[in-house]
Amino acid sequence: GVGVRSVFRHFKDMETLYLELVAHSEQLTARLSTPLVETADLQATLDQLVDERIHVYDNVMPFQIAAQAHQHESANLSLHGEHFAARQRATLLDALPRHLLKDKAVVEALNLALSFDTWRRLRREQRLSRPAARRVVVLTCSALLQDAAATSGTAPRRNRPRP
């Protein structure tokens, strides 16, 4: 068998290969567009969002890494990268309550914390297990939500444990 990375070294018609990569990746990431189960509990919504992304990200990781490595060679891969990022953002914006959408810094921080790139770094570079990486993402998002609640005056601020 030929691995995902070695494929790129052996084929001449790379754009056709890139289009196949995009199609396969789009199929794997389609689940990101599925609406979450509506709940009034923001933490439950966050848990759903994290779990959906973890499932997608772990399945699409080798394809996304290959696509990112070759984006500079293909307009199709570049467009796919933009579409993937936009889909991640749209899903987040749909899941957040209106009052949080007004806090641009929190929205951007949550977008970063829940991104494929963050997940890839936790799993690949930092070599965290799936449960450990999930915990990092959930802790990060929970801290952001807690801070947003404290600064908006909607909830008391809990003391954060010291490292």
C-alpha atoms as a PDB file:
ATOM      1  CA  GLY A   1       0.000   0.000   0.000  1.00  0.00           C
ATOM      2  CA  VAL A   2       0.950   3.593  -0.525  1.00  0.00           C
ATOM      3  CA  GLY A   3       0.664   5.937   2.448  1.00  0.00           C
ATOM      4  CA  VAL A   4      -1.007   9.351   2.247  1.00  0.00           C
ATOM      5  CA  ARG A   5       2.301  11.230   2.318  1.00  0.00           C
ATOM      6  CA  SER A   6       4.142   9.028  -0.176  1.00  0.00           C
ATOM      7  CA  VAL A   7       1.290   9.368  -2.679  1.00  0.00           C
ATOM      8  CA  PHE A   8       2.319  12.973  -3.219  1.00  0.00           C
ATOM      9  CA  ARG A   9       5.808  11.923  -4.313  1.00  0.00           C
ATOM     10  CA  HIS A  10       4.730   9.323  -6.897  1.00  0.00           C
ATOM     11  CA  PHE A  11       1.925  10.847  -8.951  1.00  0.00           C
ATOM     12  CA  LYS A  12       2.255  13.312 -11.829  1.00  0.00           C
ATOM     13  CA  ASP A  13      -1.306  14.699 -12.017  1.00  0.00           C
ATOM     14  CA  MET A  14      -1.289  16.291  -8.603  1.00  0.00           C
ATOM     15  CA  GLU A  15      -4.331  18.521  -9.090  1.00  0.00           C
ATOM     16  CA  THR A  16      -6.569  15.489  -9.696  1.00  0.00           C
ATOM     17  CA  LEU A  17      -5.111  13.910  -6.584  1.00  0.00           C
ATOM     18  CA  TYR A  18      -5.714  17.134  -4.643  1.00  0.00           C
ATOM     19  CA  LEU A  19      -9.347  17.174  -5.798  1.00  0.00           C
ATOM     20  CA  GLU A  20      -9.772  13.605  -4.530  1.00  0.00           C
ATOM     21  CA  LEU A  21      -8.203  14.609  -1.227  1.00  0.00           C
ATOM     22  CA  VAL A  22     -10.592  17.554  -0.945  1.00  0.00           C
ATOM     23  CA  ALA A  23     -13.619  15.377  -1.780  1.00  0.00           C
ATOM     24  CA  HIS A  24     -12.659  12.769   0.810  1.00  0.00           C
ATOM     25  CA  SER A  25     -11.941  15.398   3.445  1.00  0.00           C
ATOM     26  CA  GLU A  26     -15.244  17.173   2.731  1.00  0.00           C
ATOM     27  CA  GLN A  27     -17.067  13.876   3.181  1.00  0.00           C
ATOM     28  CA  LEU A  28     -15.368  13.304   6.540  1.00  0.00           C
ATOM     29  CA  THR A  29     -15.999  16.864   7.757  1.00  0.00           C
ATOM     30  CA  ALA A  30     -19.648  17.082   6.652  1.00  0.00           C
ATOM     31  CA  ARG A  31     -20.643  16.071  10.176  1.00  0.00           C
ATOM     32  CA  LEU A  32     -19.465  19.500  11.378  1.00  0.00           C
ATOM     33  CA  SER A  33     -22.495  21.031   9.649  1.00  0.00           C
ATOM     34  CA  THR A  34     -24.963  18.876  11.581  1.00  0.00           C
ATOM     35  CA  PRO A  35     -26.887  21.024  14.082  1.00  0.00           C
ATOM     36  CA  LEU A  36     -26.291  20.228  17.741  1.00  0.00           C
ATOM     37  CA  VAL A  37     -29.067  19.040  20.030  1.00  0.00           C
ATOM     38  CA  GLU A  38     -30.535  22.214  21.489  1.00  0.00           C
ATOM     39  CA  THR A  39     -29.956  22.696  25.186  1.00  0.00           C
ATOM     40  CA  ALA A  40     -30.132  25.654  27.552  1.00  0.00           C
ATOM     41  CA  ASP A  41     -27.026  24.402  29.354  1.00  0.00           C
ATOM     42  CA  LEU A  42     -23.985  26.032  27.778  1.00  0.00           C
ATOM     43  CA  GLN A  43     -21.620  23.411  29.235  1.00  0.00           C
ATOM     44  CA  ALA A  44     -23.688  20.603  27.667  1.00  0.00           C
ATOM     45  CA  THR A  45     -23.565  22.438  24.336  1.00  0.00           C
ATOM     46  CA  LEU A  46     -19.814  22.811  24.685  1.00  0.00           C
ATOM     47  CA  ASP A  47     -19.443  19.090  25.442  1.00  0.00           C
ATOM     48  CA  GLN A  48     -21.447  18.217  22.321  1.00  0.00           C
ATOM     49  CA  LEU A  49     -19.385  20.581  20.198  1.00  0.00           C
ATOM     50  CA  VAL A  50     -16.097  19.196  21.517  1.00  0.00           C
ATOM     51  CA  ASP A  51     -17.164  15.570  21.047  1.00  0.00           C
ATOM     52  CA  GLU A  52     -18.389  16.150  17.483  1.00  0.00           C
ATOM     53  CA  ARG A  53     -15.155  17.899  16.557  1.00  0.00           C
ATOM     54  CA  ILE A  54     -12.966  15.247  18.173  1.00  0.00           C
ATOM     55  CA  HIS A  55     -14.687  12.561  16.132  1.00  0.00           C
ATOM     56  CA  VAL A  56     -14.248  14.521  12.899  1.00  0.00           C
ATOM     57  CA  TYR A  57     -10.726  15.748  13.623  1.00  0.00           C
ATOM     58  CA  ASP A  58      -9.310  12.339  14.491  1.00  0.00           C
ATOM     59  CA  ASN A  59     -10.767  10.848  11.306  1.00  0.00           C
ATOM     60  CA  VAL A  60      -9.698  13.651   8.993  1.00  0.00           C
ATOM     61  CA  MET A  61      -6.284  14.388  10.540  1.00  0.00           C
ATOM     62  CA  PRO A  62      -3.990  12.627   8.016  1.00  0.00           C
ATOM     63  CA  PHE A  63      -5.877  14.160   5.096  1.00  0.00           C
ATOM     64  CA  GLN A  64      -5.928  17.653   6.586  1.00  0.00           C
ATOM     65  CA  ILE A  65      -2.219  17.530   7.401  1.00  0.00           C
ATOM     66  CA  ALA A  66      -1.458  16.477   3.814  1.00  0.00           C
ATOM     67  CA  ALA A  67      -3.767  19.173   2.435  1.00  0.00           C
ATOM     68  CA  GLN A  68      -2.192  21.866   4.624  1.00  0.00           C
ATOM     69  CA  ALA A  69       1.297  20.813   3.562  1.00  0.00           C
ATOM     70  CA  HIS A  70       0.408  21.263  -0.119  1.00  0.00           C
ATOM     71  CA  GLN A  71      -1.941  24.282   0.042  1.00  0.00           C
ATOM     72  CA  HIS A  72       0.687  26.510  -1.538  1.00  0.00           C
ATOM     73  CA  GLU A  73       0.664  24.278  -4.646  1.00  0.00           C
ATOM     74  CA  SER A  74      -3.066  24.197  -5.292  1.00  0.00           C
ATOM     75  CA  ALA A  75      -5.875  26.730  -5.381  1.00  0.00           C
ATOM     76  CA  ASN A  76      -8.290  23.862  -4.661  1.00  0.00           C
ATOM     77  CA  LEU A  77      -6.454  22.884  -1.479  1.00  0.00           C
ATOM     78  CA  SER A  78      -6.220  26.512  -0.413  1.00  0.00           C
ATOM     79  CA  LEU A  79      -9.945  26.993  -0.946  1.00  0.00           C
ATOM     80  CA  HIS A  80     -10.627  23.758   0.940  1.00  0.00           C
ATOM     81  CA  GLY A  81      -8.589  25.054   3.898  1.00  0.00           C
ATOM     82  CA  GLU A  82     -10.607  28.271   3.940  1.00  0.00           C
ATOM     83  CA  HIS A  83     -13.872  26.316   3.693  1.00  0.00           C
ATOM     84  CA  PHE A  84     -12.856  23.966   6.516  1.00  0.00           C
ATOM     85  CA  ALA A  85     -12.001  26.925   8.783  1.00  0.00           C
ATOM     86  CA  ALA A  86     -15.255  28.689   7.857  1.00  0.00           C
ATOM     87  CA  ARG A  87     -17.271  25.544   8.620  1.00  0.00           C
ATOM     88  CA  GLN A  88     -15.629  25.222  12.039  1.00  0.00           C
ATOM     89  CA  ARG A  89     -16.393  28.880  12.785  1.00  0.00           C
ATOM     90  CA  ALA A  90     -19.997  28.715  11.557  1.00  0.00           C
ATOM     91  CA  THR A  91     -20.720  25.681  13.733  1.00  0.00           C
ATOM     92  CA  LEU A  92     -19.323  27.502  16.754  1.00  0.00           C
ATOM     93  CA  LEU A  93     -21.306  30.676  16.066  1.00  0.00           C
ATOM     94  CA  ASP A  94     -24.505  28.636  15.681  1.00  0.00           C
ATOM     95  CA  ALA A  95     -23.900  26.952  19.044  1.00  0.00           C
ATOM     96  CA  LEU A  96     -23.169  30.073  21.098  1.00  0.00           C
ATOM     97  CA  PRO A  97     -25.875  32.120  22.835  1.00  0.00           C
ATOM     98  CA  ARG A  98     -26.406  35.664  21.529  1.00  0.00           C
ATOM     99  CA  HIS A  99     -24.926  37.400  24.550  1.00  0.00           C
ATOM    100  CA  LEU A 100     -21.592  35.615  23.999  1.00  0.00           C
ATOM    101  CA  LEU A 101     -21.485  36.534  20.311  1.00  0.00           C
ATOM    102  CA  LYS A 102     -21.119  40.179  21.361  1.00  0.00           C
ATOM    103  CA  ASP A 103     -17.766  39.437  23.024  1.00  0.00           C
ATOM    104  CA  LYS A 104     -15.470  39.188  19.994  1.00  0.00           C
ATOM    105  CA  ALA A 105     -12.412  38.215  22.047  1.00  0.00           C
ATOM    106  CA  VAL A 106     -14.228  35.252  23.616  1.00  0.00           C
ATOM    107  CA  VAL A 107     -15.593  34.157  20.230  1.00  0.00           C
ATOM    108  CA  GLU A 108     -12.110  34.279  18.676  1.00  0.00           C
ATOM    109  CA  ALA A 109     -10.548  32.482  21.646  1.00  0.00           C
ATOM    110  CA  LEU A 110     -13.192  29.729  21.508  1.00  0.00           C
ATOM    111  CA  ASN A 111     -12.707  29.458  17.747  1.00  0.00           C
ATOM    112  CA  LEU A 112      -8.987  28.921  18.321  1.00  0.00           C
ATOM    113  CA  ALA A 113      -9.459  26.470  21.205  1.00  0.00           C
ATOM    114  CA  LEU A 114     -11.914  24.377  19.179  1.00  0.00           C
ATOM    115  CA  SER A 115      -9.960  24.478  15.923  1.00  0.00           C
ATOM    116  CA  PHE A 116      -8.469  21.556  14.043  1.00  0.00           C
ATOM    117  CA  ASP A 117      -5.034  23.156  14.400  1.00  0.00           C
ATOM    118  CA  THR A 118      -5.308  23.153  18.186  1.00  0.00           C
ATOM    119  CA  TRP A 119      -6.437  19.515  18.158  1.00  0.00           C
ATOM    120  CA  ARG A 120      -3.620  18.536  15.788  1.00  0.00           C
ATOM    121  CA  ARG A 121      -1.051  20.188  18.014  1.00  0.00           C
ATOM    122  CA  LEU A 122      -2.352  18.515  21.170  1.00  0.00           C
ATOM    123  CA  ARG A 123      -2.468  15.084  19.540  1.00  0.00           C
ATOM    124  CA  ARG A 124       0.608  15.177  17.292  1.00  0.00           C
ATOM    125  CA  GLU A 125       3.166  17.625  18.665  1.00  0.00           C
ATOM    126  CA  GLN A 126       2.276  17.284  22.341  1.00  0.00           C
ATOM    127  CA  ARG A 127       1.422  13.585  21.951  1.00  0.00           C
ATOM    128  CA  LEU A 128      -1.586  13.707  24.259  1.00  0.00           C
ATOM    129  CA  SER A 129      -4.050  10.851  24.334  1.00  0.00           C
ATOM    130  CA  ARG A 130      -7.531  11.553  23.056  1.00  0.00           C
ATOM    131  CA  PRO A 131      -8.990  11.868  26.610  1.00  0.00           C
ATOM    132  CA  ALA A 132      -6.108  14.108  27.746  1.00  0.00           C
ATOM    133  CA  ALA A 133      -6.416  16.362  24.692  1.00  0.00           C
ATOM    134  CA  ARG A 134     -10.186  16.537  25.170  1.00  0.00           C
ATOM    135  CA  ARG A 135      -9.674  17.608  28.773  1.00  0.00           C
ATOM    136  CA  VAL A 136      -7.323  20.412  27.675  1.00  0.00           C
ATOM    137  CA  VAL A 137      -9.868  21.684  25.140  1.00  0.00           C
ATOM    138  CA  VAL A 138     -12.775  21.485  27.602  1.00  0.00           C
ATOM    139  CA  LEU A 139     -10.774  23.206  30.366  1.00  0.00           C
ATOM    140  CA  THR A 140      -9.737  25.965  27.983  1.00  0.00           C
ATOM    141  CA  CYS A 141     -13.272  26.546  26.733  1.00  0.00           C
ATOM    142  CA  SER A 142     -14.756  26.353  30.232  1.00  0.00           C
ATOM    143  CA  ALA A 143     -12.262  28.938  31.495  1.00  0.00           C
ATOM    144  CA  LEU A 144     -13.133  31.232  28.592  1.00  0.00           C
ATOM    145  CA  LEU A 145     -16.860  30.882  29.284  1.00  0.00           C
ATOM    146  CA  GLN A 146     -16.332  31.455  32.994  1.00  0.00           C
ATOM    147  CA  ASP A 147     -14.278  34.572  32.297  1.00  0.00           C
ATOM    148  CA  ALA A 148     -16.917  35.850  29.879  1.00  0.00           C
ATOM    149  CA  ALA A 149     -19.623  35.309  32.500  1.00  0.00           C
ATOM    150  CA  ALA A 150     -17.556  37.098  35.151  1.00  0.00           C
ATOM    151  CA  THR A 151     -16.816  40.124  32.989  1.00  0.00           C
ATOM    152  CA  SER A 152     -20.437  40.421  31.866  1.00  0.00           C
ATOM    153  CA  GLY A 153     -21.673  40.064  35.447  1.00  0.00           C
ATOM    154  CA  THR A 154     -23.884  37.083  34.636  1.00  0.00           C
ATOM    155  CA  ALA A 155     -22.201  34.677  37.063  1.00  0.00           C
ATOM    156  CA  PRO A 156     -19.807  34.805  39.987  1.00  0.00           C
ATOM    157  CA  ARG A 157     -16.176  34.157  39.136  1.00  0.00           C
ATOM    158  CA  ARG A 158     -14.769  30.953  40.564  1.00  0.00           C
ATOM    159  CA  ASN A 159     -11.233  30.892  41.868  1.00  0.00           C
ATOM    160  CA  ARG A 160      -8.950  29.205  39.368  1.00  0.00           C
ATOM    161  CA  PRO A 161      -6.604  26.536  40.718  1.00  0.00           C
ATOM    162  CA  ARG A 162      -2.934  27.433  40.651  1.00  0.00           C
ATOM    163  CA  PRO A 163      -0.672  25.417  38.366  1.00  0.00           C
END
